[in-house]
Protein backbone atom coordinates (compact mmCIF):
# COMPACT_ATOMS: atom_id res chain seq x y z
CA MET A 1 -2.06 -29.31 -7.56
CA LYS A 2 -5.57 -28.05 -6.93
CA ARG A 3 -7.62 -26.51 -9.70
CA GLY A 4 -6.93 -22.80 -10.01
CA GLN A 5 -3.43 -23.10 -8.57
CA SER A 6 -0.59 -22.14 -10.90
CA GLY A 7 2.45 -23.16 -8.86
CA ILE A 8 3.45 -19.48 -8.80
CA SER A 9 4.18 -17.65 -5.56
CA CYS A 10 5.28 -14.05 -6.03
CA ILE A 11 4.56 -10.35 -5.51
CA VAL A 12 4.22 -7.83 -8.32
CA GLY A 13 3.59 -4.09 -8.42
CA ILE A 14 0.85 -2.73 -10.67
CA ASP A 15 0.41 0.87 -11.78
CA LYS A 16 -3.37 0.79 -11.47
CA PRO A 17 -5.21 2.67 -14.21
CA SER A 18 -8.12 4.97 -13.44
CA GLY A 19 -11.55 3.45 -13.87
CA MET A 20 -10.65 0.02 -12.47
CA SER A 21 -11.31 -1.05 -8.91
CA SER A 22 -8.55 -2.81 -6.98
CA HIS A 23 -10.63 -5.98 -7.27
CA ASP A 24 -10.71 -5.54 -11.06
CA VAL A 25 -6.90 -5.54 -11.01
CA VAL A 26 -6.89 -8.68 -8.86
CA ASN A 27 -9.16 -10.42 -11.37
CA ALA A 28 -6.89 -9.37 -14.24
CA CYS A 29 -3.89 -10.84 -12.40
CA ARG A 30 -5.79 -14.06 -11.75
CA ARG A 31 -6.21 -14.42 -15.50
CA ILE A 32 -2.61 -13.46 -16.31
CA PHE A 33 -1.10 -15.96 -13.85
CA GLY A 34 -3.79 -18.64 -14.08
CA GLU A 35 -4.03 -18.46 -10.29
CA ARG A 36 -7.18 -17.97 -8.20
CA ARG A 37 -5.28 -17.01 -5.04
CA VAL A 38 -4.52 -13.36 -5.75
CA GLY A 39 -4.96 -10.38 -3.44
CA HIS A 40 -3.88 -6.77 -2.98
CA THR A 41 -2.39 -5.11 0.09
CA GLY A 42 -4.17 -1.75 0.05
CA THR A 43 -7.29 -0.60 -1.78
CA LEU A 44 -7.19 2.20 -4.32
CA ASP A 45 -10.45 3.91 -5.32
CA PRO A 46 -11.54 3.36 -8.94
CA LEU A 47 -10.75 7.02 -9.67
CA ALA A 48 -7.18 6.66 -8.41
CA THR A 49 -4.08 5.48 -10.24
CA GLY A 50 -0.70 4.32 -9.04
CA ALA A 51 1.15 1.83 -6.89
CA LEU A 52 -0.82 -1.31 -6.01
CA CYS A 53 0.95 -4.31 -4.50
CA ILE A 54 -0.41 -7.66 -5.71
CA CYS A 55 0.31 -11.01 -4.03
CA VAL A 56 -0.01 -14.19 -6.10
CA GLY A 57 -0.43 -17.77 -4.90
CA PRO A 58 0.84 -18.64 -1.39
CA ALA A 59 2.33 -15.12 -1.24
CA THR A 60 -1.19 -13.88 -0.42
CA ARG A 61 -0.44 -14.93 3.16
CA LEU A 62 1.89 -11.92 3.34
CA ASP A 63 -0.92 -9.40 2.98
CA ALA A 64 -1.34 -9.22 6.77
CA TYR A 65 2.28 -8.03 7.03
CA MET A 66 2.05 -5.46 4.25
CA THR A 67 -1.16 -3.50 4.86
CA ASN A 68 0.10 -1.03 7.46
CA HIS A 69 2.53 0.90 5.31
CA ASP A 70 2.72 4.66 5.06
CA LYS A 71 1.81 6.07 1.66
CA THR A 72 2.51 9.07 -0.56
CA TYR A 73 0.00 10.60 -2.97
CA ASP A 74 -0.35 13.36 -5.51
CA VAL A 75 -3.88 14.74 -5.29
CA ARG A 76 -5.77 17.41 -7.21
CA ILE A 77 -8.31 19.04 -4.90
CA ALA A 78 -11.22 20.79 -6.59
CA PHE A 79 -12.79 23.67 -4.64
CA GLY A 80 -16.33 24.92 -5.06
CA VAL A 81 -18.21 21.61 -5.31
CA ALA A 82 -18.93 18.84 -2.79
CA THR A 83 -19.89 15.34 -3.93
CA ASP A 84 -21.52 12.44 -2.11
CA THR A 85 -18.37 10.31 -2.46
CA ASP A 86 -15.93 13.19 -1.81
CA ASP A 87 -14.37 12.60 -5.23
CA ALA A 88 -15.12 13.30 -8.87
CA GLU A 89 -16.94 9.98 -9.33
CA GLY A 90 -19.75 11.07 -7.01
CA GLU A 91 -22.81 13.20 -7.57
CA PRO A 92 -22.57 16.91 -6.73
CA ILE A 93 -24.47 17.64 -3.53
CA ARG A 94 -23.44 21.24 -2.89
CA VAL A 95 -21.99 24.14 -4.89
CA CYS A 96 -20.28 26.98 -3.00
CA GLU A 97 -18.43 30.16 -3.77
CA VAL A 98 -14.67 29.92 -3.46
CA PRO A 99 -13.19 32.59 -1.15
CA ALA A 100 -10.61 34.85 -2.75
CA CYS A 101 -7.94 33.67 -0.30
CA VAL A 102 -8.14 30.15 -1.73
CA CYS A 103 -6.89 31.55 -5.03
CA ASP A 104 -3.75 33.00 -3.40
CA PRO A 105 -0.73 30.66 -3.91
CA ASP A 106 1.00 31.88 -0.74
CA PHE A 107 -2.14 31.27 1.32
CA ALA A 108 -2.59 27.86 -0.27
CA ARG A 109 1.01 26.91 0.43
CA GLU A 110 0.67 27.83 4.10
CA ARG A 111 -2.62 25.99 4.56
CA VAL A 112 -1.27 22.84 2.96
CA ALA A 113 1.91 22.93 5.06
CA ALA A 114 -0.27 23.32 8.18
CA LEU A 115 -1.78 19.88 7.51
CA VAL A 116 1.34 18.18 8.88
CA GLY A 117 0.66 16.52 12.21
CA CYS A 118 -1.74 14.15 13.97
CA HIS A 119 -5.48 14.40 13.34
CA LYS A 120 -8.83 12.79 14.06
CA GLN A 121 -10.33 11.99 10.68
CA LEU A 122 -13.88 10.95 9.80
CA PRO A 123 -13.76 8.44 6.91
CA PRO A 124 -15.92 9.10 3.83
CA ALA A 125 -19.44 7.66 3.83
CA TYR A 126 -18.40 5.78 0.69
CA SER A 127 -15.53 3.73 2.10
CA ALA A 128 -14.69 0.05 2.56
CA ILE A 129 -14.90 0.27 6.35
CA LYS A 130 -17.38 -2.24 7.74
CA HIS A 131 -20.19 -1.25 10.08
CA ALA A 132 -22.30 -4.06 11.55
CA GLY A 133 -20.73 -6.39 8.99
CA VAL A 134 -21.64 -4.22 6.00
CA LYS A 135 -19.20 -2.10 4.02
CA ALA A 136 -20.00 1.59 4.37
CA TYR A 137 -20.12 2.18 0.61
CA GLU A 138 -22.60 -0.68 0.16
CA ALA A 139 -24.86 0.81 2.82
CA ALA A 140 -24.51 4.28 1.27
CA ARG A 141 -25.46 3.00 -2.18
CA ALA A 142 -28.55 1.44 -0.63
CA GLY A 143 -29.47 4.81 0.85
CA ASN A 144 -28.42 3.92 4.39
CA VAL A 145 -25.50 6.16 5.31
CA VAL A 146 -23.83 4.77 8.44
CA GLN A 147 -22.22 6.79 11.20
CA LEU A 148 -18.51 6.00 11.16
CA GLU A 149 -16.16 6.78 14.02
CA PRO A 150 -13.26 9.26 13.66
CA ARG A 151 -9.85 7.64 13.32
CA ASP A 152 -6.36 8.69 14.36
CA ILE A 153 -4.18 9.51 11.36
CA GLU A 154 -0.96 11.40 10.78
CA ILE A 155 0.17 13.54 7.88
CA TYR A 156 3.98 13.42 7.73
CA ASP A 157 4.54 15.82 4.89
CA ALA A 158 2.35 18.12 2.78
CA ALA A 159 3.38 20.41 -0.05
CA LEU A 160 1.56 22.51 -2.61
CA LEU A 161 2.69 21.57 -6.11
CA GLY A 162 0.56 24.06 -8.00
CA LEU A 163 -2.66 26.03 -8.23
CA GLU A 164 -4.94 26.28 -11.27
CA ARG A 165 -8.27 27.90 -12.03
CA ASP A 166 -10.71 26.40 -14.54
CA HIS A 167 -12.69 29.46 -15.65
CA THR A 168 -15.02 27.33 -17.77
CA ALA A 169 -16.14 25.14 -14.89
CA GLU A 170 -15.61 27.87 -12.28
CA VAL A 171 -13.54 25.48 -10.19
CA LEU A 172 -10.20 26.10 -8.50
CA TYR A 173 -7.64 23.29 -8.15
CA TRP A 174 -4.85 22.76 -5.65
CA ASP A 175 -2.27 20.13 -6.64
CA VAL A 176 -0.84 18.69 -3.43
CA ARG A 177 1.65 15.98 -2.46
CA LEU A 178 0.87 14.18 0.82
CA SER A 179 2.76 11.57 2.81
CA VAL A 180 0.39 9.93 5.29
CA SER A 181 -0.02 7.11 7.79
CA LYS A 182 -1.97 3.94 7.18
CA GLY A 183 -5.74 4.31 7.08
CA THR A 184 -5.68 7.94 5.94
CA TYR A 185 -8.40 8.91 3.45
CA ILE A 186 -7.25 11.58 1.00
CA ARG A 187 -10.90 12.21 0.12
CA SER A 188 -11.54 13.18 3.73
CA ILE A 189 -8.57 15.56 3.69
CA ALA A 190 -10.01 17.29 0.61
CA ARG A 191 -13.52 17.42 2.08
CA ASP A 192 -12.30 18.82 5.38
CA MET A 193 -10.03 21.36 3.70
CA GLY A 194 -12.99 22.75 1.80
CA ALA A 195 -15.11 22.98 4.95
CA SER A 196 -12.32 24.68 6.90
CA LEU A 197 -12.09 27.38 4.22
CA GLY A 198 -15.82 28.08 4.15
CA THR A 199 -16.43 26.36 0.85
CA ALA A 200 -16.68 22.81 -0.51
CA ALA A 201 -14.06 20.51 -2.03
CA HIS A 202 -13.52 17.05 -3.42
CA VAL A 203 -10.76 14.94 -4.96
CA GLN A 204 -10.55 15.48 -8.70
CA GLN A 205 -7.53 13.25 -9.36
CA LEU A 206 -5.47 10.95 -7.17
CA ARG A 207 -2.24 9.07 -7.79
CA ARG A 208 -0.46 6.87 -5.26
CA LEU A 209 3.27 7.36 -5.65
CA SER A 210 4.35 4.84 -3.02
CA ALA A 211 3.08 2.31 -0.51
CA GLY A 212 5.81 1.48 1.95
CA VAL A 213 8.96 1.01 -0.15
CA LEU A 214 6.99 0.07 -3.27
CA ASP A 215 7.40 3.00 -5.65
CA VAL A 216 5.09 3.54 -8.59
CA ARG A 217 8.19 3.72 -10.79
CA ASP A 218 8.74 0.03 -9.98
CA CYS A 219 5.20 -0.88 -11.00
CA LEU A 220 3.98 -2.20 -14.35
CA SER A 221 0.86 -1.71 -16.38
CA LEU A 222 -1.35 -4.76 -16.71
CA GLU A 223 -0.36 -4.94 -20.37
CA ALA A 224 3.33 -5.07 -19.42
CA LEU A 225 2.62 -7.71 -16.77
CA GLU A 226 0.88 -9.79 -19.43
CA SER A 227 4.12 -10.03 -21.37
CA ARG A 228 6.55 -10.30 -18.45
CA GLY A 229 4.64 -12.61 -16.08
CA ILE A 230 6.80 -14.10 -13.32
CA ASP A 231 9.78 -12.04 -14.51
CA ALA A 232 8.03 -9.02 -12.96
CA ALA A 233 8.28 -10.49 -9.45
CA ILE A 234 9.55 -8.13 -6.73
CA ASP A 235 11.64 -9.32 -3.80
CA PRO A 236 9.24 -9.81 -0.84
CA ALA A 237 12.12 -9.41 1.64
CA PHE A 238 12.69 -5.91 0.22
CA LEU A 239 9.01 -5.02 0.52
CA LEU A 240 8.65 -6.40 4.06
CA GLY A 241 11.68 -4.55 5.37
CA TYR A 242 12.56 -7.13 8.03
CA ARG A 243 16.09 -8.26 8.76
CA MET A 244 17.04 -11.51 7.05
CA ALA A 245 18.71 -14.81 7.82
CA PHE A 246 19.96 -17.17 5.11
CA LEU A 247 19.28 -20.86 5.72
CA ASP A 248 21.28 -23.92 4.81
CA GLU A 249 19.52 -27.06 3.57
CA LYS A 250 19.19 -28.59 7.03
CA GLN A 251 17.72 -25.40 8.50
CA ALA A 252 15.38 -25.01 5.52
CA ALA A 253 14.04 -28.52 6.07
CA SER A 254 13.39 -27.71 9.74
CA VAL A 255 11.67 -24.43 8.85
CA ARG A 256 9.37 -26.15 6.37
CA ASN A 257 8.19 -28.28 9.29
CA GLY A 258 7.68 -25.22 11.50
CA THR A 259 10.48 -26.21 13.87
CA PHE A 260 11.70 -23.62 16.39
CA LEU A 261 15.21 -22.35 15.62
CA PRO A 262 17.82 -21.53 18.27
CA ALA A 263 18.51 -17.82 18.13
CA SER A 264 22.24 -18.52 18.25
CA SER A 265 22.03 -20.58 15.05
CA LEU A 266 21.24 -17.64 12.76
CA SER A 267 23.41 -14.85 11.39
CA LEU A 268 21.37 -11.73 10.76
CA PHE A 269 21.58 -9.43 7.76
CA GLU A 270 20.06 -6.02 7.20
CA ALA A 271 16.80 -5.72 5.30
CA PRO A 272 17.65 -5.60 1.59
CA GLN A 273 17.92 -2.23 -0.09
CA ARG A 274 17.72 -1.41 -3.76
CA PHE A 275 20.56 -3.03 -5.66
CA ASP A 276 21.78 -3.55 -9.20
CA GLU A 277 20.57 -6.64 -11.06
CA ALA A 278 24.23 -7.56 -11.52
CA ASP A 279 24.26 -8.29 -7.78
CA CYS A 280 22.86 -11.80 -7.99
CA GLY A 281 23.03 -15.13 -6.22
CA PRO A 282 21.20 -16.56 -3.18
CA MET A 283 22.79 -14.05 -0.79
CA ARG A 284 22.41 -10.96 -2.97
CA ALA A 285 22.00 -7.65 -1.18
CA ALA A 286 23.32 -9.26 2.00
CA ARG A 287 24.81 -6.79 4.48
CA PRO A 288 25.64 -8.24 7.90
CA SER A 289 23.75 -6.69 10.80
CA ASP A 290 25.56 -5.96 14.05
CA ALA A 291 22.43 -5.09 16.04
CA ALA A 292 21.29 -7.64 18.60
CA LEU A 293 18.08 -9.58 18.07
CA VAL A 294 15.08 -7.84 19.64
CA ASP A 295 12.35 -9.74 21.49
CA GLY A 296 9.29 -10.02 19.25
CA GLU A 297 11.23 -9.03 16.14
CA THR A 298 10.14 -10.63 12.88
CA ILE A 299 12.87 -12.09 10.68
CA SER A 300 12.64 -13.04 6.99
CA LEU A 301 14.11 -16.51 6.47
CA VAL A 302 15.56 -16.99 2.99
CA PHE A 303 16.65 -20.16 1.24
CA GLY A 304 18.06 -19.98 -2.25
CA ASN A 305 15.98 -17.50 -4.24
CA GLU A 306 12.90 -17.78 -2.06
CA LEU A 307 11.42 -16.32 1.09
CA LEU A 308 10.69 -19.48 3.03
CA ALA A 309 9.14 -18.15 6.24
CA LEU A 310 8.73 -15.35 8.74
CA TYR A 311 9.85 -16.19 12.27
CA THR A 312 9.46 -14.19 15.48
CA ALA A 313 12.16 -13.89 18.14
CA ARG A 314 11.42 -15.11 21.69
CA LEU A 315 14.48 -14.10 23.64
CA LYS A 316 13.41 -15.57 27.00
CA GLN A 317 13.12 -18.94 25.32
CA GLY A 318 16.26 -18.32 23.25
CA ASP A 319 14.65 -19.18 19.95
CA LEU A 320 12.70 -18.00 16.92
CA ARG A 321 9.24 -19.37 16.24
CA PRO A 322 7.20 -19.50 13.03
CA CYS A 323 4.50 -16.92 12.35
CA CYS A 324 4.21 -17.55 8.61
CA VAL A 325 5.67 -20.59 6.82
CA PHE A 326 5.23 -21.24 3.11
CA SER A 327 4.80 -24.74 1.73
CA GLN A 328 6.01 -23.12 -1.48
CA GLY A 329 8.46 -20.28 -0.96
CA VAL A 330 7.85 -16.82 -2.38
CA ILE A 331 10.25 -16.11 -5.23
CA ARG A 332 12.54 -13.18 -4.52
CA GLY A 333 12.57 -12.12 -8.15
CA LYS A 334 14.23 -8.82 -8.89
CA GLY A 335 15.63 -6.68 -6.12
CA LEU A 336 14.67 -3.14 -7.25
C-alpha cells in the first residue's frame, strides 16, 4: 500500500461547523482516517454550516457522480447593508435605508414565494468559479474582480420562516428556506433580493439542510467522526440513487477486470431507500425493479457489502460497460 493510503474506502456526512472551509474539513478527515485521498462533493462557504459529503480513499472517484445534486438551505438575509462577499464575512461596501414594506411579514412572504422558478443568476465576485484558470475569489482578493457570466438556476421552493428586526444594529432579517438546483449561490439570491427592493442585503447565516438525499440529520460533527471512524460510513448506493444489481463471485471477478456484462445477466433492484439497521445482509434494502433497462442508464453494481462499480447500459450492444470500477470497493456501511 502506498504511503498515505489507509485501505479505507467510504463516504461520510459531516455537519460542517461555521468558520471552517470545506478544505479544512477535508484536511481534518485526512487526519482522522490516515488517508490522503479525501475530497468533498460540494463546497460550503466558511460562514456556512451543515451537510457536507466527504469521500475517503478510492471513493473519491465518485465525486463526479455526486456534485450535481439539488440542495436545501436555511438562510438569514440581512437587509440594509451590502458586503463585498455578499455575506457577513465580507467588508461592508454600502449602507442603505430599509423600505417599510420589507418589514411587513405578508409582503416578505409574498416576495419570497415569488422566487420560485427559473432565473439567470450572476455568481458572487468571491466564488470558486474559475476565470482564465484563476478562481474568482483569488482574483478578487488580489484586487482584480473578474466579470463572471450569468448562469441558469432554478429555485424549486421558497418559504419565509420568520422576520426579525435588530434595533441595535438597525438591520432587518428575513429567515428563509430555499430548495435550489445545482450551482445556485444563496449569496446572490440575498444580494439580488436587496437590490430588487431598493436597498442592500447580504447573507448573515447559512445552513445546508440537504444535498441530494444526504440530510444534515444524518451527518456527524468532526468530533463524533473521530470516535466513530469507519462506523460512520454511509451507503454510497443510497447517495447515488441509481438502480442496483447484486453480483455473484464470478460476475464480481469479471467486473473487477472491467469486463462488459450482458444486460440479460443482471436482475435490477430499485435504488435503496432509508431502512432500519435491522435490515442487514448483502442484499439489504433490495426491492426488485420491474422497469426495463434504459439506454445510457447508470447501474450500481454491488458485491457483498461493497459498491464494486458503476456500469452504463448500451442497449444496442445488449450489454453494460464500466464507467467507474473500484480496485477496492466502497463499503456500503449503514443504510440511513
